[in-house]
Amino acid sequence: MEFDENKDREAENQYPDEDYVDIYSKRAIFWFSVFSPLYAGVLFIINLWVAGYKKVISQVLAFLFMYYLLVFFVIRSLNIKLDMEALRKFSSGTPITSLSQIMPFLEITALTLGFNIIAGIILTRYFFKKYFPDDDYYPKSVLRPLIIYILLSLVLGRTGF
């Protein structure tokens, strides 16, 4: 039995390494968008930059800006009133016992989570699929962005931002 070394070289040349890029996966971008579409958008912008789609970055930024405006106007138009006393209790660690004080926070959280999932779907099903239609990329590890996100959340959470 003979081994043909030329066939192995042809298989390697069929998919050269220059066609593959290291980017964050579609799944990573979606799950980051559940918590923060802005952070997921930054990861997707990094993907676009690495892949050479630098002119498209403005479209993603415009989408993120319009998304946050839409969320702001929807929540504002629903006229959800937050109880400032409940907010002070919540921030100080005192348990809130009244359901009427908790409900506005739950409503805003549910709306934000729903909008974040929709933003994740748009980022992955439209933008990601449009610019990375094939699976010709190597997924990057999300450990570093996850650590940065946790640190940012802790720092910004303590400052009240």
C-alpha atoms as a PDB file:
ATOM      1  CA  MET A   1       0.000   0.000   0.000  1.00  0.00           C
ATOM      2  CA  GLU A   2       1.431   3.348  -1.033  1.00  0.00           C
ATOM      3  CA  PHE A   3       0.827   6.678   0.631  1.00  0.00           C
ATOM      4  CA  ASP A   4       0.461   9.587  -1.667  1.00  0.00           C
ATOM      5  CA  GLU A   5       2.014  12.624  -0.035  1.00  0.00           C
ATOM      6  CA  ASN A   6       0.758  14.889  -2.805  1.00  0.00           C
ATOM      7  CA  LYS A   7      -2.857  14.266  -1.786  1.00  0.00           C
ATOM      8  CA  ASP A   8      -2.114  15.429   1.762  1.00  0.00           C
ATOM      9  CA  ARG A   9      -0.471  18.585   0.449  1.00  0.00           C
ATOM     10  CA  GLU A  10      -3.424  19.258  -1.854  1.00  0.00           C
ATOM     11  CA  ALA A  11      -5.842  18.879   1.064  1.00  0.00           C
ATOM     12  CA  GLU A  12      -3.780  21.355   3.093  1.00  0.00           C
ATOM     13  CA  ASN A  13      -3.696  23.816   0.202  1.00  0.00           C
ATOM     14  CA  GLN A  14      -7.432  23.520  -0.379  1.00  0.00           C
ATOM     15  CA  TYR A  15      -8.083  25.521   2.801  1.00  0.00           C
ATOM     16  CA  PRO A  16      -5.088  27.754   3.366  1.00  0.00           C
ATOM     17  CA  ASP A  17      -4.651  29.318   6.790  1.00  0.00           C
ATOM     18  CA  GLU A  18      -4.956  32.836   5.354  1.00  0.00           C
ATOM     19  CA  ASP A  19      -8.693  32.265   4.800  1.00  0.00           C
ATOM     20  CA  TYR A  20      -9.266  31.504   8.454  1.00  0.00           C
ATOM     21  CA  VAL A  21      -9.354  34.142  11.166  1.00  0.00           C
ATOM     22  CA  ASP A  22      -9.613  33.947  14.940  1.00  0.00           C
ATOM     23  CA  ILE A  23     -12.866  35.626  15.979  1.00  0.00           C
ATOM     24  CA  TYR A  24     -15.371  35.377  18.776  1.00  0.00           C
ATOM     25  CA  SER A  25     -18.056  32.844  17.947  1.00  0.00           C
ATOM     26  CA  LYS A  26     -21.677  33.542  17.207  1.00  0.00           C
ATOM     27  CA  ARG A  27     -22.667  31.808  20.430  1.00  0.00           C
ATOM     28  CA  ALA A  28     -20.304  33.969  22.510  1.00  0.00           C
ATOM     29  CA  ILE A  29     -21.667  37.164  20.991  1.00  0.00           C
ATOM     30  CA  PHE A  30     -25.246  36.079  21.626  1.00  0.00           C
ATOM     31  CA  TRP A  31     -24.686  35.181  25.285  1.00  0.00           C
ATOM     32  CA  PHE A  32     -22.733  38.357  25.980  1.00  0.00           C
ATOM     33  CA  SER A  33     -25.599  40.336  24.427  1.00  0.00           C
ATOM     34  CA  VAL A  34     -28.061  38.793  26.886  1.00  0.00           C
ATOM     35  CA  PHE A  35     -26.191  40.659  29.616  1.00  0.00           C
ATOM     36  CA  SER A  36     -24.912  43.645  27.608  1.00  0.00           C
ATOM     37  CA  PRO A  37     -25.563  44.234  23.904  1.00  0.00           C
ATOM     38  CA  LEU A  38     -22.984  47.014  23.980  1.00  0.00           C
ATOM     39  CA  TYR A  39     -20.278  44.623  25.149  1.00  0.00           C
ATOM     40  CA  ALA A  40     -21.371  41.990  22.594  1.00  0.00           C
ATOM     41  CA  GLY A  41     -21.287  44.710  19.943  1.00  0.00           C
ATOM     42  CA  VAL A  42     -17.708  45.548  20.915  1.00  0.00           C
ATOM     43  CA  LEU A  43     -16.761  41.873  20.557  1.00  0.00           C
ATOM     44  CA  PHE A  44     -18.439  41.763  17.150  1.00  0.00           C
ATOM     45  CA  ILE A  45     -16.642  44.966  16.118  1.00  0.00           C
ATOM     46  CA  ILE A  46     -13.365  43.287  17.097  1.00  0.00           C
ATOM     47  CA  ASN A  47     -14.380  40.387  14.830  1.00  0.00           C
ATOM     48  CA  LEU A  48     -15.069  42.753  11.956  1.00  0.00           C
ATOM     49  CA  TRP A  49     -11.762  44.568  12.492  1.00  0.00           C
ATOM     50  CA  VAL A  50      -9.766  41.310  12.526  1.00  0.00           C
ATOM     51  CA  ALA A  51     -11.532  40.047   9.403  1.00  0.00           C
ATOM     52  CA  GLY A  52     -10.950  43.320   7.551  1.00  0.00           C
ATOM     53  CA  TYR A  53     -14.512  44.650   7.465  1.00  0.00           C
ATOM     54  CA  LYS A  54     -13.575  48.049   8.867  1.00  0.00           C
ATOM     55  CA  LYS A  55     -16.193  49.999   6.891  1.00  0.00           C
ATOM     56  CA  VAL A  56     -19.032  47.962   8.398  1.00  0.00           C
ATOM     57  CA  ILE A  57     -18.177  48.918  11.970  1.00  0.00           C
ATOM     58  CA  SER A  58     -20.188  52.131  11.657  1.00  0.00           C
ATOM     59  CA  GLN A  59     -23.317  50.102  10.821  1.00  0.00           C
ATOM     60  CA  VAL A  60     -22.951  48.030  13.976  1.00  0.00           C
ATOM     61  CA  LEU A  61     -22.387  51.179  16.039  1.00  0.00           C
ATOM     62  CA  ALA A  62     -25.484  52.773  14.476  1.00  0.00           C
ATOM     63  CA  PHE A  63     -27.506  49.652  15.296  1.00  0.00           C
ATOM     64  CA  LEU A  64     -26.343  49.723  18.925  1.00  0.00           C
ATOM     65  CA  PHE A  65     -27.143  53.420  19.237  1.00  0.00           C
ATOM     66  CA  MET A  66     -30.637  52.939  17.771  1.00  0.00           C
ATOM     67  CA  TYR A  67     -31.181  49.903  20.006  1.00  0.00           C
ATOM     68  CA  TYR A  68     -30.438  51.875  23.174  1.00  0.00           C
ATOM     69  CA  LEU A  69     -32.669  54.732  22.032  1.00  0.00           C
ATOM     70  CA  LEU A  70     -35.495  52.293  21.345  1.00  0.00           C
ATOM     71  CA  VAL A  71     -35.144  50.635  24.746  1.00  0.00           C
ATOM     72  CA  PHE A  72     -35.046  54.021  26.466  1.00  0.00           C
ATOM     73  CA  PHE A  73     -38.190  55.272  24.689  1.00  0.00           C
ATOM     74  CA  VAL A  74     -40.127  52.039  25.193  1.00  0.00           C
ATOM     75  CA  ILE A  75     -39.414  51.926  28.917  1.00  0.00           C
ATOM     76  CA  ARG A  76     -40.146  55.633  29.228  1.00  0.00           C
ATOM     77  CA  SER A  77     -43.411  55.359  27.263  1.00  0.00           C
ATOM     78  CA  LEU A  78     -44.627  52.537  29.509  1.00  0.00           C
ATOM     79  CA  ASN A  79     -44.409  55.031  32.369  1.00  0.00           C
ATOM     80  CA  ILE A  80     -43.032  52.600  34.928  1.00  0.00           C
ATOM     81  CA  LYS A  81     -42.622  54.436  38.227  1.00  0.00           C
ATOM     82  CA  LEU A  82     -39.754  53.357  40.442  1.00  0.00           C
ATOM     83  CA  ASP A  83     -40.161  53.848  44.169  1.00  0.00           C
ATOM     84  CA  MET A  84     -37.084  55.762  45.352  1.00  0.00           C
ATOM     85  CA  GLU A  85     -37.475  54.432  48.881  1.00  0.00           C
ATOM     86  CA  ALA A  86     -37.381  50.885  47.529  1.00  0.00           C
ATOM     87  CA  LEU A  87     -34.324  51.773  45.452  1.00  0.00           C
ATOM     88  CA  ARG A  88     -32.527  53.063  48.550  1.00  0.00           C
ATOM     89  CA  LYS A  89     -33.497  49.933  50.475  1.00  0.00           C
ATOM     90  CA  PHE A  90     -32.349  47.720  47.629  1.00  0.00           C
ATOM     91  CA  SER A  91     -28.994  49.485  47.262  1.00  0.00           C
ATOM     92  CA  SER A  92     -28.332  49.367  51.010  1.00  0.00           C
ATOM     93  CA  GLY A  93     -29.061  45.649  51.203  1.00  0.00           C
ATOM     94  CA  THR A  94     -32.251  45.961  53.238  1.00  0.00           C
ATOM     95  CA  PRO A  95     -34.828  43.418  52.063  1.00  0.00           C
ATOM     96  CA  ILE A  96     -37.878  44.766  50.260  1.00  0.00           C
ATOM     97  CA  THR A  97     -41.019  43.111  51.523  1.00  0.00           C
ATOM     98  CA  SER A  98     -43.739  44.819  49.496  1.00  0.00           C
ATOM     99  CA  LEU A  99     -44.571  43.314  46.115  1.00  0.00           C
ATOM    100  CA  SER A 100     -45.700  46.729  44.862  1.00  0.00           C
ATOM    101  CA  GLN A 101     -42.177  48.030  45.436  1.00  0.00           C
ATOM    102  CA  ILE A 102     -40.541  45.073  43.675  1.00  0.00           C
ATOM    103  CA  MET A 103     -42.802  44.939  40.581  1.00  0.00           C
ATOM    104  CA  PRO A 104     -41.414  48.013  38.757  1.00  0.00           C
ATOM    105  CA  PHE A 105     -37.883  46.614  39.074  1.00  0.00           C
ATOM    106  CA  LEU A 106     -39.028  43.237  37.769  1.00  0.00           C
ATOM    107  CA  GLU A 107     -40.860  44.869  34.856  1.00  0.00           C
ATOM    108  CA  ILE A 108     -37.789  46.863  33.806  1.00  0.00           C
ATOM    109  CA  THR A 109     -35.553  43.827  34.219  1.00  0.00           C
ATOM    110  CA  ALA A 110     -37.870  41.659  32.088  1.00  0.00           C
ATOM    111  CA  LEU A 111     -38.161  44.315  29.380  1.00  0.00           C
ATOM    112  CA  THR A 112     -34.414  44.863  29.295  1.00  0.00           C
ATOM    113  CA  LEU A 113     -33.719  41.135  29.148  1.00  0.00           C
ATOM    114  CA  GLY A 114     -36.214  40.731  26.305  1.00  0.00           C
ATOM    115  CA  PHE A 115     -34.685  43.587  24.345  1.00  0.00           C
ATOM    116  CA  ASN A 116     -31.180  42.241  25.002  1.00  0.00           C
ATOM    117  CA  ILE A 117     -32.162  38.852  23.580  1.00  0.00           C
ATOM    118  CA  ILE A 118     -33.621  40.560  20.509  1.00  0.00           C
ATOM    119  CA  ALA A 119     -30.389  42.553  20.082  1.00  0.00           C
ATOM    120  CA  GLY A 120     -28.398  39.321  20.372  1.00  0.00           C
ATOM    121  CA  ILE A 121     -30.534  37.689  17.714  1.00  0.00           C
ATOM    122  CA  ILE A 122     -30.026  40.651  15.382  1.00  0.00           C
ATOM    123  CA  LEU A 123     -26.271  40.709  16.009  1.00  0.00           C
ATOM    124  CA  THR A 124     -25.888  36.979  15.370  1.00  0.00           C
ATOM    125  CA  ARG A 125     -28.605  36.162  12.839  1.00  0.00           C
ATOM    126  CA  TYR A 126     -28.230  39.263  10.696  1.00  0.00           C
ATOM    127  CA  PHE A 127     -24.821  40.873  11.119  1.00  0.00           C
ATOM    128  CA  PHE A 128     -22.758  37.783  11.966  1.00  0.00           C
ATOM    129  CA  LYS A 129     -24.419  35.670   9.289  1.00  0.00           C
ATOM    130  CA  LYS A 130     -24.008  38.451   6.727  1.00  0.00           C
ATOM    131  CA  TYR A 131     -20.277  38.963   7.226  1.00  0.00           C
ATOM    132  CA  PHE A 132     -19.249  35.489   8.378  1.00  0.00           C
ATOM    133  CA  PRO A 133     -21.614  33.188   6.428  1.00  0.00           C
ATOM    134  CA  ASP A 134     -19.285  30.199   6.440  1.00  0.00           C
ATOM    135  CA  ASP A 135     -17.638  28.556   9.368  1.00  0.00           C
ATOM    136  CA  ASP A 136     -14.209  29.582   8.099  1.00  0.00           C
ATOM    137  CA  TYR A 137     -12.947  30.917  11.384  1.00  0.00           C
ATOM    138  CA  TYR A 138     -11.324  29.622  14.505  1.00  0.00           C
ATOM    139  CA  PRO A 139     -13.315  30.582  17.619  1.00  0.00           C
ATOM    140  CA  LYS A 140     -11.383  32.694  20.093  1.00  0.00           C
ATOM    141  CA  SER A 141     -11.466  31.912  23.770  1.00  0.00           C
ATOM    142  CA  VAL A 142     -13.972  34.033  25.675  1.00  0.00           C
ATOM    143  CA  LEU A 143     -12.093  33.793  28.955  1.00  0.00           C
ATOM    144  CA  ARG A 144     -10.393  37.192  28.632  1.00  0.00           C
ATOM    145  CA  PRO A 145     -13.583  39.086  27.592  1.00  0.00           C
ATOM    146  CA  LEU A 146     -15.480  37.329  30.385  1.00  0.00           C
ATOM    147  CA  ILE A 147     -12.958  38.406  33.020  1.00  0.00           C
ATOM    148  CA  ILE A 148     -12.962  41.962  31.657  1.00  0.00           C
ATOM    149  CA  TYR A 149     -16.774  42.031  31.679  1.00  0.00           C
ATOM    150  CA  ILE A 150     -16.930  40.813  35.280  1.00  0.00           C
ATOM    151  CA  LEU A 151     -14.339  43.368  36.379  1.00  0.00           C
ATOM    152  CA  LEU A 152     -16.151  46.176  34.553  1.00  0.00           C
ATOM    153  CA  SER A 153     -19.447  45.127  36.093  1.00  0.00           C
ATOM    154  CA  LEU A 154     -17.962  45.135  39.574  1.00  0.00           C
ATOM    155  CA  VAL A 155     -16.242  48.496  39.133  1.00  0.00           C
ATOM    156  CA  LEU A 156     -19.150  50.229  37.407  1.00  0.00           C
ATOM    157  CA  GLY A 157     -21.644  48.628  39.804  1.00  0.00           C
ATOM    158  CA  ARG A 158     -19.816  50.062  42.787  1.00  0.00           C
ATOM    159  CA  THR A 159     -19.731  53.552  41.283  1.00  0.00           C
ATOM    160  CA  GLY A 160     -23.460  53.475  40.571  1.00  0.00           C
ATOM    161  CA  PHE A 161     -23.059  53.723  36.804  1.00  0.00           C
END
